[in-house]
Amino acid sequence: MRIRLKRVYEAPARGDGARILVDRLWPRGLSKDSAALTEWMRDLAPSNELRRWFHAHPVQWPAFRKRYIEELASPAASAALERLHDIAARRATVTLLFASRNVEQNNAVVLKDLLEGERKPPTGTGPVRAVSSGRSRAARRG
């Protein structure tokens, strides 16, 4: 599996594979046809409160990452993350799309790290960790 990151405003390419929008809000000025999405996973996006906080405090990237990963443990986000793992397991390439102008520090970067297994959620248990380690069936058995 190959995970790519791309601004949603960039033109779709054949090599994008599954194109997943991971923002809560629809990008301004972009039609749904021109976005060419496979799926829009708004439950994977940071909460509006966290998004606004990070916009006001962009130097707080480590704190944003930590708070965002904690939010991903919520039931809706955890289910969406499991779905994202399923898509990534079935597709050779997945492109996570975001609207942020900051291409190095945004929620898609955190999700890419989780998909690639570079970062583990802080709790160490639950479906997010089980899915990222390939044990989703064991997590469902509880």
Protein backbone atom coordinates (compact mmCIF):
# COMPACT_ATOMS: atom_id res chain seq x y z
CA MET A 1 0.00 0.00 0.00
CA ARG A 2 1.21 3.44 -0.91
CA ILE A 3 -0.19 6.48 0.90
CA ARG A 4 0.07 9.84 -0.82
CA LEU A 5 -0.90 13.30 0.35
CA LYS A 6 -2.31 15.94 -1.96
CA ARG A 7 -4.18 19.21 -1.77
CA VAL A 8 -7.71 18.65 -3.00
CA TYR A 9 -7.32 21.66 -5.31
CA GLU A 10 -4.63 19.86 -7.35
CA ALA A 11 -5.87 18.09 -10.47
CA PRO A 12 -6.66 14.38 -10.10
CA ALA A 13 -4.04 12.06 -11.56
CA ARG A 14 -4.24 8.45 -12.72
CA GLY A 15 -1.73 7.43 -10.06
CA ASP A 16 -3.86 8.79 -7.19
CA GLY A 17 -5.67 5.50 -6.63
CA ALA A 18 -8.46 5.91 -4.08
CA ARG A 19 -8.96 9.63 -3.46
CA ILE A 20 -10.17 10.22 0.12
CA LEU A 21 -11.07 13.70 1.37
CA VAL A 22 -10.28 13.90 5.09
CA ASP A 23 -11.61 17.40 5.87
CA ARG A 24 -14.80 18.15 7.78
CA LEU A 25 -15.76 21.10 5.57
CA TRP A 26 -16.17 20.97 1.81
CA PRO A 27 -13.33 22.91 0.11
CA ARG A 28 -14.34 26.36 -1.09
CA GLY A 29 -14.85 26.87 -4.79
CA LEU A 30 -14.48 23.20 -5.71
CA SER A 31 -17.21 21.20 -7.42
CA LYS A 32 -17.81 17.60 -6.43
CA ASP A 33 -17.15 16.49 -10.01
CA SER A 34 -13.77 18.21 -10.21
CA ALA A 35 -12.72 16.71 -6.86
CA ALA A 36 -13.11 13.18 -8.29
CA LEU A 37 -13.43 11.63 -4.83
CA THR A 38 -13.64 7.97 -4.01
CA GLU A 39 -14.97 8.91 -0.59
CA TRP A 40 -15.38 11.86 1.77
CA MET A 41 -14.52 10.82 5.34
CA ARG A 42 -15.43 13.87 7.41
CA ASP A 43 -15.47 11.82 10.64
CA LEU A 44 -11.68 11.55 10.28
CA ALA A 45 -11.25 15.31 10.37
CA PRO A 46 -10.34 17.17 13.55
CA SER A 47 -13.21 18.72 15.47
CA ASN A 48 -14.11 22.28 14.55
CA GLU A 49 -12.74 23.43 17.91
CA LEU A 50 -9.37 21.74 17.36
CA ARG A 51 -9.18 22.94 13.76
CA ARG A 52 -9.83 26.55 14.83
CA TRP A 53 -7.35 26.28 17.71
CA PHE A 54 -4.57 25.00 15.43
CA HIS A 55 -5.30 27.69 12.84
CA ALA A 56 -4.78 30.30 15.58
CA HIS A 57 -1.68 28.51 16.99
CA PRO A 58 0.20 26.96 14.05
CA VAL A 59 3.44 26.66 16.02
CA GLN A 60 1.69 24.19 18.32
CA TRP A 61 2.03 21.27 15.85
CA PRO A 62 3.07 18.65 18.48
CA ALA A 63 0.12 19.59 20.70
CA PHE A 64 -2.24 19.48 17.71
CA ARG A 65 -0.99 15.99 16.75
CA LYS A 66 -1.52 14.70 20.28
CA ARG A 67 -5.01 16.19 20.61
CA TYR A 68 -6.01 15.01 17.14
CA ILE A 69 -4.88 11.44 17.81
CA GLU A 70 -6.90 11.51 21.03
CA GLU A 71 -9.96 12.63 19.01
CA LEU A 72 -9.46 9.70 16.65
CA ALA A 73 -10.30 7.38 19.56
CA SER A 74 -13.95 8.55 19.50
CA PRO A 75 -16.41 5.93 18.20
CA ALA A 76 -17.23 7.73 14.93
CA ALA A 77 -13.61 8.55 14.14
CA SER A 78 -12.44 5.08 15.12
CA ALA A 79 -14.97 3.47 12.78
CA ALA A 80 -13.93 5.82 9.96
CA LEU A 81 -10.25 5.04 10.61
CA GLU A 82 -11.01 1.34 10.44
CA ARG A 83 -12.79 1.91 7.11
CA LEU A 84 -9.77 3.86 5.85
CA HIS A 85 -7.49 0.96 6.83
CA ASP A 86 -9.78 -1.43 4.92
CA ILE A 87 -9.64 0.75 1.80
CA ALA A 88 -5.85 1.05 2.08
CA ALA A 89 -5.50 -2.73 2.42
CA ARG A 90 -7.47 -3.29 -0.80
CA ARG A 91 -5.91 -0.55 -2.94
CA ALA A 92 -2.33 -0.21 -4.18
CA THR A 93 -2.45 3.57 -3.72
CA VAL A 94 -4.54 5.80 -1.49
CA THR A 95 -4.33 9.58 -1.76
CA LEU A 96 -5.46 11.53 1.30
CA LEU A 97 -6.85 14.88 0.19
CA PHE A 98 -6.89 18.04 2.29
CA ALA A 99 -7.62 21.72 1.68
CA SER A 100 -5.03 23.26 4.01
CA ARG A 101 -2.35 25.46 2.50
CA ASN A 102 0.10 24.00 4.98
CA VAL A 103 1.17 20.80 3.24
CA GLU A 104 3.56 19.70 6.01
CA GLN A 105 1.37 20.15 9.08
CA ASN A 106 -2.23 19.06 8.68
CA ASN A 107 -4.49 16.20 9.74
CA ALA A 108 -3.76 14.19 6.57
CA VAL A 109 -0.09 13.97 7.63
CA VAL A 110 -1.14 12.44 10.96
CA LEU A 111 -3.46 9.97 9.22
CA LYS A 112 -0.70 8.96 6.80
CA ASP A 113 1.60 8.25 9.75
CA LEU A 114 -1.10 6.13 11.39
CA LEU A 115 -1.74 4.17 8.20
CA GLU A 116 1.95 3.52 7.75
CA GLY A 117 2.27 2.45 11.37
CA GLU A 118 4.75 5.18 12.29
CA ARG A 119 2.61 6.62 15.06
CA LYS A 120 0.45 4.71 17.48
CA PRO A 121 -2.57 6.20 19.26
CA PRO A 122 -1.74 7.15 22.86
CA THR A 123 -4.19 4.76 24.52
CA GLY A 124 -2.46 1.65 23.18
CA THR A 125 -5.74 -0.27 23.04
CA GLY A 126 -8.98 -0.31 21.14
CA PRO A 127 -9.87 -0.62 17.50
CA VAL A 128 -7.51 2.11 16.26
CA ARG A 129 -4.43 0.24 17.54
CA ALA A 130 -5.82 -3.14 16.53
CA VAL A 131 -6.55 -1.98 13.01
CA SER A 132 -3.16 -0.34 12.63
CA SER A 133 -1.48 -3.56 13.73
CA GLY A 134 -3.66 -5.73 11.48
CA ARG A 135 -5.69 -7.32 14.28
CA SER A 136 -9.10 -5.83 13.49
CA ARG A 137 -10.96 -9.13 13.88
CA ALA A 138 -9.46 -9.62 17.35
CA ALA A 139 -10.52 -6.10 18.27
CA ARG A 140 -14.11 -6.81 17.27
CA ARG A 141 -14.22 -9.95 19.42
CA GLY A 142 -13.24 -7.74 22.32
